[in-house]
Amino acid sequence: MSDRWSRLAPLTGVLFGVLVVAAVITNSSETPKVSASTAKVVSYYTEHRSEIETSSILFALAFLMLVLFAGALRSYLRRTAAADGLSALVLAGAVLMATGTLPGTGLEYGVAHNLHDLSPETVKTLSFIGQELFLPVLAGGFIFGVCSGLAILRGAALPKWLGWVAIVIGIAVLIPPASFPALLAFLIWSIIVSILMYLRSGGSVGAPAVQPA
């Protein structure tokens, strides 16, 4: 079982991507801005209650998969001695992203599920808190992107261009106008790296890393 897990673990990055896409498709409606009126916020949760509940669960599962993917990525990166320390920070970045996402999705689910038991003012307050909890995701994305990028550039067995892309993503995440495109790029990057790790591991535990061409 452990050998099988070691072989399939990198594919948690693909599963992360699939779950995020499914969550977005499930509830594609735009969350009301913080400045929106209380009536508009309540109306949003009323009209999209089931979609919000399902999307919240999918987002929570997605970021749990991200932590597992980061664990697999850390194991892969640390095969290169120069990337060992950075690989630990990659995992820490993923944990920070999950720490920001899970409470936020929990609040979204809780508000939608218990909507009729909450006052309009409480609904708006919880919605505001849920949106602000997204900030740790950006901080975690910065750490994940920059550290994984540097690890790749230090010799980890992945194409160097993925390292440069990861660094750009990590920096762009902290720039408000570029945050959403950067997170989308991070999603694509994770899927690509996930597949490459799976293919280059050769299905063998402790197999020597294949150096990129």
Protein backbone atom coordinates (compact mmCIF):
# COMPACT_ATOMS: atom_id res chain seq x y z
CA MET A 1 0.00 0.00 0.00
CA SER A 2 2.82 2.43 0.86
CA ASP A 3 4.52 1.72 -2.49
CA ARG A 4 1.29 2.35 -4.34
CA TRP A 5 0.72 5.60 -2.45
CA SER A 6 4.25 6.75 -3.23
CA ARG A 7 3.60 6.20 -6.91
CA LEU A 8 0.20 7.92 -7.00
CA ALA A 9 0.91 10.74 -4.52
CA PRO A 10 2.13 13.22 -7.16
CA LEU A 11 -1.24 12.99 -8.92
CA THR A 12 -2.88 14.76 -5.98
CA GLY A 13 -1.84 17.91 -7.85
CA VAL A 14 -4.09 16.93 -10.73
CA LEU A 15 -6.89 16.15 -8.29
CA PHE A 16 -6.37 19.59 -6.72
CA GLY A 17 -6.88 21.21 -10.11
CA VAL A 18 -9.94 19.14 -10.96
CA LEU A 19 -11.60 19.94 -7.63
CA VAL A 20 -10.95 23.68 -7.96
CA VAL A 21 -12.43 23.73 -11.46
CA ALA A 22 -15.44 21.74 -10.26
CA ALA A 23 -15.93 24.14 -7.34
CA VAL A 24 -15.83 27.18 -9.63
CA ILE A 25 -18.25 25.61 -12.12
CA THR A 26 -20.63 24.58 -9.35
CA ASN A 27 -20.99 28.17 -8.16
CA SER A 28 -19.91 30.60 -10.87
CA SER A 29 -21.91 33.50 -9.44
CA GLU A 30 -19.87 36.43 -8.12
CA THR A 31 -19.72 36.85 -4.36
CA PRO A 32 -21.08 40.28 -3.30
CA LYS A 33 -18.39 42.83 -2.52
CA VAL A 34 -17.78 43.99 1.03
CA SER A 35 -19.47 47.28 0.15
CA ALA A 36 -22.66 45.51 -1.01
CA SER A 37 -25.85 46.14 0.93
CA THR A 38 -27.06 43.65 3.53
CA ALA A 39 -30.10 42.87 1.38
CA LYS A 40 -27.90 42.02 -1.61
CA VAL A 41 -25.69 39.72 0.45
CA VAL A 42 -28.70 37.88 1.91
CA SER A 43 -30.24 37.62 -1.56
CA TYR A 44 -27.02 36.07 -2.89
CA TYR A 45 -27.01 33.33 -0.26
CA THR A 46 -30.74 32.73 -0.69
CA GLU A 47 -30.59 32.34 -4.46
CA HIS A 48 -27.43 30.22 -4.56
CA ARG A 49 -27.68 28.31 -1.30
CA SER A 50 -27.15 24.76 -2.60
CA GLU A 51 -24.45 25.84 -5.05
CA ILE A 52 -22.54 27.61 -2.27
CA GLU A 53 -22.71 24.56 -0.02
CA THR A 54 -21.44 22.22 -2.74
CA SER A 55 -18.75 24.63 -3.92
CA SER A 56 -17.50 25.16 -0.37
CA ILE A 57 -17.08 21.43 0.18
CA LEU A 58 -15.23 21.05 -3.13
CA PHE A 59 -12.89 23.95 -2.35
CA ALA A 60 -12.13 22.46 1.08
CA LEU A 61 -11.31 19.08 -0.48
CA ALA A 62 -9.21 20.79 -3.16
CA PHE A 63 -6.93 22.52 -0.68
CA LEU A 64 -6.57 19.34 1.36
CA MET A 65 -5.32 17.77 -1.87
CA LEU A 66 -2.96 20.71 -2.29
CA VAL A 67 -1.33 19.90 1.06
CA LEU A 68 -0.90 16.27 -0.01
CA PHE A 69 0.53 17.42 -3.35
CA ALA A 70 2.96 19.72 -1.55
CA GLY A 71 4.05 16.78 0.60
CA ALA A 72 4.73 14.72 -2.52
CA LEU A 73 6.51 17.68 -4.12
CA ARG A 74 8.67 18.11 -1.04
CA SER A 75 9.72 14.46 -1.18
CA TYR A 76 10.57 14.88 -4.85
CA LEU A 77 12.51 18.12 -4.43
CA ARG A 78 14.54 16.97 -1.45
CA ARG A 79 16.18 14.29 -3.60
CA THR A 80 18.36 17.22 -4.62
CA ALA A 81 20.48 18.18 -1.60
CA ALA A 82 20.53 21.87 -2.48
CA ALA A 83 16.71 21.97 -2.50
CA ASP A 84 16.12 20.17 0.80
CA GLY A 85 15.54 23.26 2.96
CA LEU A 86 13.41 24.98 0.34
CA SER A 87 11.23 21.88 -0.01
CA ALA A 88 10.15 22.25 3.63
CA LEU A 89 9.05 25.83 2.92
CA VAL A 90 7.04 24.62 -0.08
CA LEU A 91 5.03 22.39 2.23
CA ALA A 92 4.68 25.23 4.75
CA GLY A 93 3.31 27.48 1.99
CA ALA A 94 0.68 24.91 1.06
CA VAL A 95 -0.35 24.53 4.70
CA LEU A 96 -0.71 28.30 4.97
CA MET A 97 -2.89 28.35 1.85
CA ALA A 98 -5.09 25.63 3.30
CA THR A 99 -5.23 27.47 6.63
CA GLY A 100 -6.66 30.49 4.83
CA THR A 101 -9.06 28.52 2.66
CA LEU A 102 -10.65 26.06 5.07
CA PRO A 103 -12.04 28.59 7.59
CA GLY A 104 -13.33 30.73 4.73
CA THR A 105 -15.07 27.85 2.99
CA GLY A 106 -16.37 26.70 6.36
CA LEU A 107 -17.97 30.09 6.93
CA GLU A 108 -19.45 30.10 3.42
CA TYR A 109 -20.95 26.67 3.98
CA GLY A 110 -22.16 27.54 7.46
CA VAL A 111 -23.90 30.73 6.35
CA ALA A 112 -25.62 29.01 3.41
CA HIS A 113 -26.61 25.96 5.44
CA ASN A 114 -27.97 27.92 8.41
CA LEU A 115 -29.25 30.93 6.49
CA HIS A 116 -32.75 30.90 7.96
CA ASP A 117 -31.39 30.89 11.51
CA LEU A 118 -29.19 33.96 11.03
CA SER A 119 -30.09 37.63 11.07
CA PRO A 120 -29.30 39.65 7.90
CA GLU A 121 -26.60 41.59 9.76
CA THR A 122 -24.94 38.35 10.89
CA VAL A 123 -25.00 37.01 7.33
CA LYS A 124 -23.21 40.11 6.04
CA THR A 125 -20.66 40.06 8.86
CA LEU A 126 -19.79 36.41 8.34
CA SER A 127 -19.56 36.95 4.58
CA PHE A 128 -17.11 39.82 5.18
CA ILE A 129 -14.95 37.72 7.51
CA GLY A 130 -14.95 34.83 5.05
CA GLN A 131 -13.62 37.06 2.27
CA GLU A 132 -10.89 38.60 4.42
CA LEU A 133 -9.63 35.15 5.46
CA PHE A 134 -8.44 34.75 1.89
CA LEU A 135 -5.30 36.80 2.62
CA PRO A 136 -3.31 33.83 4.03
CA VAL A 137 -3.88 32.07 0.70
CA LEU A 138 -1.93 34.82 -1.06
CA ALA A 139 0.87 34.70 1.51
CA GLY A 140 1.06 30.92 1.22
CA GLY A 141 1.03 31.15 -2.56
CA PHE A 142 4.02 33.51 -2.41
CA ILE A 143 6.02 31.13 -0.21
CA PHE A 144 5.02 28.08 -2.25
CA GLY A 145 5.79 29.70 -5.60
CA VAL A 146 9.10 31.36 -4.79
CA CYS A 147 10.51 28.44 -2.81
CA SER A 148 9.49 25.75 -5.28
CA GLY A 149 10.89 27.89 -8.09
CA LEU A 150 14.23 28.35 -6.35
CA ALA A 151 14.37 24.63 -5.56
CA ILE A 152 13.92 23.79 -9.23
CA LEU A 153 16.57 26.30 -10.26
CA ARG A 154 18.96 24.77 -7.74
CA GLY A 155 18.90 21.49 -9.62
CA ALA A 156 15.68 19.65 -8.74
CA ALA A 157 14.66 17.27 -11.54
CA LEU A 158 12.09 19.46 -13.26
CA PRO A 159 12.42 21.78 -16.28
CA LYS A 160 14.06 25.06 -15.35
CA TRP A 161 11.29 27.09 -17.00
CA LEU A 162 8.86 25.73 -14.41
CA GLY A 163 11.12 27.22 -11.76
CA TRP A 164 11.04 30.66 -13.31
CA VAL A 165 7.28 30.46 -13.82
CA ALA A 166 6.79 29.47 -10.17
CA ILE A 167 8.79 32.47 -8.96
CA VAL A 168 6.81 34.85 -11.18
CA ILE A 169 3.56 33.33 -9.90
CA GLY A 170 4.68 33.67 -6.29
CA ILE A 171 5.50 37.36 -6.72
CA ALA A 172 2.42 38.13 -8.83
CA VAL A 173 0.12 36.65 -6.18
CA LEU A 174 0.97 39.58 -3.90
CA ILE A 175 0.10 42.20 -6.53
CA PRO A 176 -3.69 42.83 -6.28
CA PRO A 177 -4.46 43.26 -10.02
CA ALA A 178 -2.50 40.09 -10.81
CA SER A 179 -3.61 37.93 -7.88
CA PHE A 180 -6.42 36.07 -9.64
CA PRO A 181 -4.49 35.40 -12.90
CA ALA A 182 -1.53 34.27 -10.77
CA LEU A 183 -3.68 31.79 -8.84
CA LEU A 184 -5.06 30.48 -12.13
CA ALA A 185 -1.49 30.06 -13.41
CA PHE A 186 -0.62 28.30 -10.13
CA LEU A 187 -3.43 25.83 -10.79
CA ILE A 188 -2.07 25.01 -14.25
CA TRP A 189 1.50 24.86 -12.93
CA SER A 190 0.48 22.38 -10.24
CA ILE A 191 -1.16 20.07 -12.77
CA ILE A 192 1.89 20.14 -15.07
CA VAL A 193 4.32 19.50 -12.21
CA SER A 194 2.06 16.77 -10.82
CA ILE A 195 2.08 14.87 -14.12
CA LEU A 196 5.83 15.32 -14.64
CA MET A 197 6.58 14.08 -11.12
CA TYR A 198 4.41 11.02 -11.69
CA LEU A 199 6.05 10.20 -15.03
CA ARG A 200 9.61 10.84 -13.86
CA SER A 201 9.22 8.84 -10.65
CA GLY A 202 8.80 5.72 -12.74
CA GLY A 203 6.51 4.22 -10.11
CA SER A 204 9.43 3.17 -7.94
CA VAL A 205 9.95 4.32 -4.36
CA GLY A 206 13.27 6.07 -4.04
CA ALA A 207 13.94 5.83 -7.77
CA PRO A 208 16.71 8.19 -8.85
CA ALA A 209 15.43 11.46 -10.21
CA VAL A 210 15.66 11.93 -13.96
CA GLN A 211 17.47 15.11 -14.86
CA PRO A 212 15.51 17.36 -17.19
CA ALA A 213 16.74 17.75 -20.73
